Amino acid sequence: MSDDRAAALPPVRVLVVDDEPLARMRLEDLLRHETGVELVGTAENGVEAVDAIRRLSPDLVFLDVQMPGKTGIEVVREVGAERMPATIFVTAFDQYALQAFDVAAVDYLVKPFDDERFEEAFRRARRRLALEGMDRLRAQLLGVLQGTPAPATPAGVPNAAPRRWLERIAVEVRGKVRPVPVSEIDYITAAGPYAELHVGDRRHVIREAMQTLEERLDPDRFMRVHRSVIVRLDLVEALHRGAGGDYELQLRGGGRLKVSRSRREALERWLGVSS
């Protein structure tokens, strides 16, 4: 849609929801450069998002998928599909939690995204709002939430994509968001509500649950060997039994990681150890 046509339409009222300050600031800055946009507010977590959507009634929301308190998906469920604005999901993970929703969302952005990808998503949202209106978008979203087939999508709008494993994870380095290829990760450890990515002699802290990472990493390449440890399998050299029946695996380079008894058998099978 041209800037002249956008200027002739009522402003698109936009809400930005993300728990990362840098991510919010980036979206706000990008939106300020768009014609016909009114930024009505921001929210830092899912609870604030529910309140802001109900109170401000935006036309469009950029909604982070992974947030403390409530995920973006839980925000949609609490607000109710019939009252949700048009939604662009934002995520650090390729296709994360979106397989069932990308027929209902206007679009999604995978962090770190460039200006061109943002503009593509925003203009698609503006176009769908202008051509289809919120009734159809909400009907699609309601159908997905209720587990029923969504109405046929217009030509050129993709259906749900097949499952894909993570290939990169966004991390913050010196105030910038950058991708870390999962092929470079040696292992991951839990640190309270966070996870630490160990990449050579570097560590990157991300706000993510081990369960989510386990589900999104290729099981042929990564294994959760302890409730607080996920390891890249091609780095495993040996399995050691310690005092008291505890187990540790040895990595190339000599590092050792704990192995829980419940996970030992799966690791032994991968190593080809006969029971």
Protein backbone atom coordinates (compact mmCIF):
# COMPACT_ATOMS: atom_id res chain seq x y z
CA MET A 1 0.00 0.00 0.00
CA SER A 2 1.42 3.38 -0.98
CA ASP A 3 2.06 6.12 1.59
CA ASP A 4 -0.62 8.27 -0.09
CA ARG A 5 -3.26 5.54 0.28
CA ALA A 6 -2.16 4.82 3.86
CA ALA A 7 -2.47 8.50 4.74
CA ALA A 8 -6.03 8.55 3.41
CA LEU A 9 -7.10 5.77 5.81
CA PRO A 10 -7.69 6.15 9.56
CA PRO A 11 -4.47 5.64 11.56
CA VAL A 12 -3.68 2.06 12.53
CA ARG A 13 -3.65 2.00 16.34
CA VAL A 14 -0.75 -0.26 17.41
CA LEU A 15 0.22 -1.88 20.73
CA VAL A 16 3.72 -3.34 21.25
CA VAL A 17 4.13 -6.21 23.74
CA ASP A 18 7.59 -7.60 24.56
CA ASP A 19 9.40 -8.24 27.85
CA GLU A 20 12.76 -7.17 26.36
CA PRO A 21 13.27 -3.38 26.49
CA LEU A 22 15.52 -3.36 23.43
CA ALA A 23 12.97 -5.30 21.40
CA ARG A 24 10.19 -2.87 22.39
CA MET A 25 12.35 0.13 21.54
CA ARG A 26 13.22 -1.30 18.14
CA LEU A 27 9.57 -1.90 17.23
CA GLU A 28 8.58 1.55 18.47
CA ASP A 29 11.31 3.16 16.36
CA LEU A 30 10.29 1.21 13.25
CA LEU A 31 6.62 2.12 13.74
CA ARG A 32 7.43 5.83 14.07
CA HIS A 33 8.80 5.72 10.53
CA GLU A 34 5.55 4.31 9.12
CA THR A 35 2.82 6.58 7.72
CA GLY A 36 -0.63 6.43 9.30
CA VAL A 37 0.35 4.79 12.61
CA GLU A 38 -0.68 5.69 16.14
CA LEU A 39 1.37 3.90 18.81
CA VAL A 40 -1.20 3.63 21.60
CA GLY A 41 1.00 1.90 24.17
CA THR A 42 3.46 -0.81 25.17
CA ALA A 43 3.37 -3.72 27.62
CA GLU A 44 6.22 -5.61 29.27
CA ASN A 45 4.54 -8.92 30.03
CA GLY A 46 1.46 -11.01 29.36
CA VAL A 47 -0.55 -9.65 32.28
CA GLU A 48 0.01 -6.05 31.14
CA ALA A 49 -0.79 -7.10 27.58
CA VAL A 50 -4.23 -8.44 28.50
CA ASP A 51 -5.06 -5.21 30.35
CA ALA A 52 -3.73 -2.97 27.54
CA ILE A 53 -5.64 -4.83 24.81
CA ARG A 54 -8.89 -4.57 26.76
CA ARG A 55 -8.36 -0.95 27.77
CA LEU A 56 -6.85 0.53 24.59
CA SER A 57 -8.62 -1.57 21.90
CA PRO A 58 -5.74 -1.38 19.39
CA ASP A 59 -6.20 -2.36 15.75
CA LEU A 60 -2.91 -4.28 15.67
CA VAL A 61 -0.66 -5.81 18.32
CA PHE A 62 2.95 -6.96 17.98
CA LEU A 63 2.87 -9.80 20.52
CA ASP A 64 5.95 -11.57 21.89
CA VAL A 65 5.42 -15.32 22.20
CA GLN A 66 7.67 -16.04 25.20
CA MET A 67 7.09 -13.75 28.19
CA PRO A 68 7.04 -14.18 31.97
CA GLY A 69 3.64 -14.63 33.60
CA LYS A 70 1.71 -15.33 30.41
CA THR A 71 2.90 -16.35 26.97
CA GLY A 72 1.59 -14.61 23.89
CA ILE A 73 -0.63 -17.62 23.20
CA GLU A 74 -2.07 -17.40 26.74
CA VAL A 75 -2.75 -13.69 26.19
CA VAL A 76 -4.83 -14.57 23.12
CA ARG A 77 -6.77 -17.18 25.05
CA GLU A 78 -7.48 -14.86 28.00
CA VAL A 79 -8.55 -11.88 25.91
CA GLY A 80 -10.63 -14.15 23.68
CA ALA A 81 -10.32 -14.49 19.93
CA GLU A 82 -13.49 -12.50 19.34
CA ARG A 83 -11.93 -9.47 21.06
CA MET A 84 -8.32 -9.77 19.83
CA PRO A 85 -6.88 -7.15 17.51
CA ALA A 86 -5.00 -8.25 14.41
CA THR A 87 -1.84 -9.94 15.67
CA ILE A 88 1.76 -10.19 14.52
CA PHE A 89 3.58 -12.70 16.72
CA VAL A 90 7.22 -12.00 17.58
CA THR A 91 9.53 -14.86 18.58
CA ALA A 92 13.20 -15.71 18.98
CA PHE A 93 12.55 -19.18 17.55
CA ASP A 94 11.89 -20.27 13.99
CA GLN A 95 8.25 -21.36 13.81
CA TYR A 96 8.10 -21.64 17.63
CA ALA A 97 4.54 -22.17 18.84
CA LEU A 98 3.18 -20.83 15.57
CA GLN A 99 2.26 -23.94 13.58
CA ALA A 100 -1.32 -23.80 14.81
CA PHE A 101 -1.54 -20.02 14.70
CA ASP A 102 -0.03 -18.71 11.51
CA VAL A 103 -3.32 -19.22 9.66
CA ALA A 104 -4.89 -16.91 12.25
CA ALA A 105 -2.09 -14.41 12.86
CA VAL A 106 -1.48 -11.76 10.26
CA ASP A 107 2.22 -12.64 10.27
CA TYR A 108 5.12 -13.37 12.59
CA LEU A 109 8.62 -11.95 13.02
CA VAL A 110 11.61 -14.08 14.01
CA LYS A 111 14.21 -12.20 16.07
CA PRO A 112 16.54 -10.75 14.98
CA PHE A 113 14.57 -9.40 12.01
CA ASP A 114 15.69 -6.66 9.62
CA ASP A 115 13.83 -3.50 8.61
CA GLU A 116 12.63 -5.04 5.35
CA ARG A 117 11.03 -8.02 7.10
CA PHE A 118 9.27 -5.69 9.55
CA GLU A 119 7.93 -3.56 6.71
CA GLU A 120 6.66 -6.65 4.91
CA ALA A 121 4.78 -7.85 8.02
CA PHE A 122 3.36 -4.42 8.83
CA ARG A 123 2.15 -3.73 5.31
CA ARG A 124 0.59 -7.16 5.14
CA ALA A 125 -1.27 -6.37 8.36
CA ARG A 126 -2.45 -2.99 7.07
CA ARG A 127 -3.61 -4.57 3.81
CA ARG A 128 -5.55 -7.36 5.52
CA LEU A 129 -7.18 -4.93 7.92
CA ALA A 130 -8.26 -2.75 5.00
CA LEU A 131 -9.48 -5.57 2.76
CA GLU A 132 -10.87 -8.14 5.19
CA GLY A 133 -11.60 -6.25 8.39
CA MET A 134 -11.41 -7.68 11.89
CA ASP A 135 -14.48 -9.93 11.62
CA ARG A 136 -12.76 -12.42 9.35
CA LEU A 137 -9.44 -12.29 11.22
CA ARG A 138 -11.20 -12.95 14.53
CA ALA A 139 -13.21 -15.79 13.01
CA GLN A 140 -9.98 -17.45 11.86
CA LEU A 141 -8.38 -17.05 15.28
CA LEU A 142 -11.47 -18.34 17.08
CA GLY A 143 -11.53 -21.40 14.85
CA VAL A 144 -7.92 -22.25 15.69
CA LEU A 145 -8.41 -21.73 19.44
CA GLN A 146 -11.45 -23.98 19.44
CA GLY A 147 -9.66 -26.66 17.48
CA THR A 148 -11.91 -26.34 14.43
CA PRO A 149 -10.77 -25.73 10.86
CA ALA A 150 -10.18 -22.10 10.04
CA PRO A 151 -11.93 -20.62 6.99
CA ALA A 152 -9.98 -20.98 3.77
CA THR A 153 -7.21 -18.42 3.60
CA PRO A 154 -7.02 -16.01 0.68
CA ALA A 155 -4.70 -16.77 -2.20
CA GLY A 156 -1.11 -15.93 -1.36
CA VAL A 157 -1.52 -16.40 2.41
CA PRO A 158 0.50 -19.44 3.59
CA ASN A 159 -1.06 -22.26 5.59
CA ALA A 160 0.56 -23.70 8.69
CA ALA A 161 4.18 -24.65 8.08
CA PRO A 162 5.59 -28.09 8.86
CA ARG A 163 7.49 -28.51 12.12
CA ARG A 164 11.06 -27.29 11.98
CA TRP A 165 13.81 -27.62 14.56
CA LEU A 166 15.65 -24.61 15.89
CA GLU A 167 18.59 -23.52 13.76
CA ARG A 168 19.47 -20.36 15.71
CA ILE A 169 18.63 -18.66 19.00
CA ALA A 170 18.61 -14.90 19.53
CA VAL A 171 20.86 -13.58 22.31
CA GLU A 172 21.74 -10.10 23.53
CA VAL A 173 25.40 -9.11 23.15
CA ARG A 174 26.55 -5.61 24.15
CA GLY A 175 23.11 -4.15 23.71
CA LYS A 176 22.44 -5.82 20.35
CA VAL A 177 20.34 -8.86 19.54
CA ARG A 178 22.28 -11.45 17.54
CA PRO A 179 21.61 -15.03 16.41
CA VAL A 180 23.63 -17.97 17.72
CA PRO A 181 23.55 -21.02 15.41
CA VAL A 182 22.57 -24.09 17.42
CA SER A 183 25.38 -25.96 15.66
CA GLU A 184 27.82 -23.85 17.71
CA ILE A 185 26.22 -24.60 21.09
CA ASP A 186 28.17 -27.14 23.20
CA TYR A 187 25.57 -27.54 25.92
CA ILE A 188 22.82 -25.68 27.78
CA THR A 189 22.32 -25.42 31.53
CA ALA A 190 19.41 -24.16 33.61
CA ALA A 191 19.84 -21.04 35.76
CA GLY A 192 16.56 -20.47 37.58
CA PRO A 193 14.03 -19.04 35.10
CA TYR A 194 16.85 -18.61 32.56
CA ALA A 195 18.99 -20.90 30.44
CA GLU A 196 22.69 -20.50 29.70
CA LEU A 197 23.99 -21.34 26.24
CA HIS A 198 27.60 -22.53 26.43
CA VAL A 199 29.38 -21.74 23.16
CA GLY A 200 33.08 -22.51 23.46
CA ASP A 201 34.38 -20.24 26.22
CA ARG A 202 31.36 -17.89 25.95
CA ARG A 203 28.05 -18.01 27.80
CA HIS A 204 24.78 -16.41 26.74
CA VAL A 205 21.85 -16.09 29.13
CA ILE A 206 18.35 -16.26 27.64
CA ARG A 207 14.90 -16.19 29.23
CA GLU A 208 13.72 -19.66 28.26
CA ALA A 209 12.60 -22.87 29.95
CA MET A 210 14.62 -26.05 29.48
CA GLN A 211 11.44 -27.91 28.55
CA THR A 212 10.78 -25.52 25.67
CA LEU A 213 14.35 -25.78 24.42
CA GLU A 214 14.25 -29.57 24.64
CA GLU A 215 11.06 -29.65 22.55
CA ARG A 216 12.44 -27.27 19.90
CA LEU A 217 15.93 -28.75 19.44
CA ASP A 218 16.50 -31.61 17.00
CA PRO A 219 16.60 -34.83 19.11
CA ASP A 220 19.12 -36.32 16.67
CA ARG A 221 21.55 -33.54 17.61
CA PHE A 222 20.69 -32.66 21.22
CA MET A 223 19.65 -34.64 24.31
CA ARG A 224 18.46 -33.55 27.73
CA VAL A 225 20.62 -35.64 30.05
CA HIS A 226 19.56 -33.98 33.31
CA ARG A 227 16.71 -31.68 34.32
CA SER A 228 19.22 -28.83 34.15
CA VAL A 229 21.45 -29.97 31.25
CA ILE A 230 20.99 -30.33 27.47
CA VAL A 231 24.04 -31.50 25.52
CA ARG A 232 25.03 -31.56 21.87
CA LEU A 233 25.43 -35.26 21.17
CA ASP A 234 28.35 -35.13 18.76
CA LEU A 235 30.52 -33.74 21.58
CA VAL A 236 29.91 -36.72 23.90
CA GLU A 237 32.98 -38.94 24.34
CA ALA A 238 32.18 -41.21 27.26
CA LEU A 239 29.83 -41.95 30.15
CA HIS A 240 31.35 -42.32 33.62
CA ARG A 241 29.84 -43.83 36.74
CA GLY A 242 30.82 -41.96 39.89
CA ALA A 243 30.55 -42.62 43.60
CA GLY A 244 27.06 -43.36 44.89
CA GLY A 245 25.79 -44.47 41.50
CA ASP A 246 25.81 -41.00 39.96
CA TYR A 247 26.76 -40.62 36.30
CA GLU A 248 28.64 -38.00 34.33
CA LEU A 249 29.29 -37.67 30.64
CA GLN A 250 32.61 -36.52 29.29
CA LEU A 251 32.78 -34.05 26.43
CA ARG A 252 35.51 -33.60 23.88
CA GLY A 253 37.97 -31.28 25.55
CA GLY A 254 37.52 -32.91 28.97
CA GLY A 255 34.44 -31.15 30.35
CA ARG A 256 32.00 -33.23 32.40
CA LEU A 257 28.24 -32.86 32.90
CA LYS A 258 25.79 -34.55 35.24
CA VAL A 259 23.50 -37.28 33.92
CA SER A 260 20.34 -38.16 35.80
CA ARG A 261 19.44 -41.82 36.35
CA SER A 262 16.18 -41.39 34.45
CA ARG A 263 18.08 -40.15 31.38
CA ARG A 264 21.02 -42.56 31.56
CA GLU A 265 19.38 -45.37 29.58
CA ALA A 266 18.54 -43.10 26.64
CA LEU A 267 22.13 -41.83 26.59
CA GLU A 268 23.49 -45.39 26.76
CA ARG A 269 21.32 -46.38 23.81
CA TRP A 270 22.67 -43.47 21.82
CA LEU A 271 26.24 -44.51 22.76
CA GLY A 272 25.47 -48.08 21.73
CA VAL A 273 26.01 -49.49 25.22
CA SER A 274 24.20 -52.82 25.72
CA SER A 275 21.98 -53.03 28.81
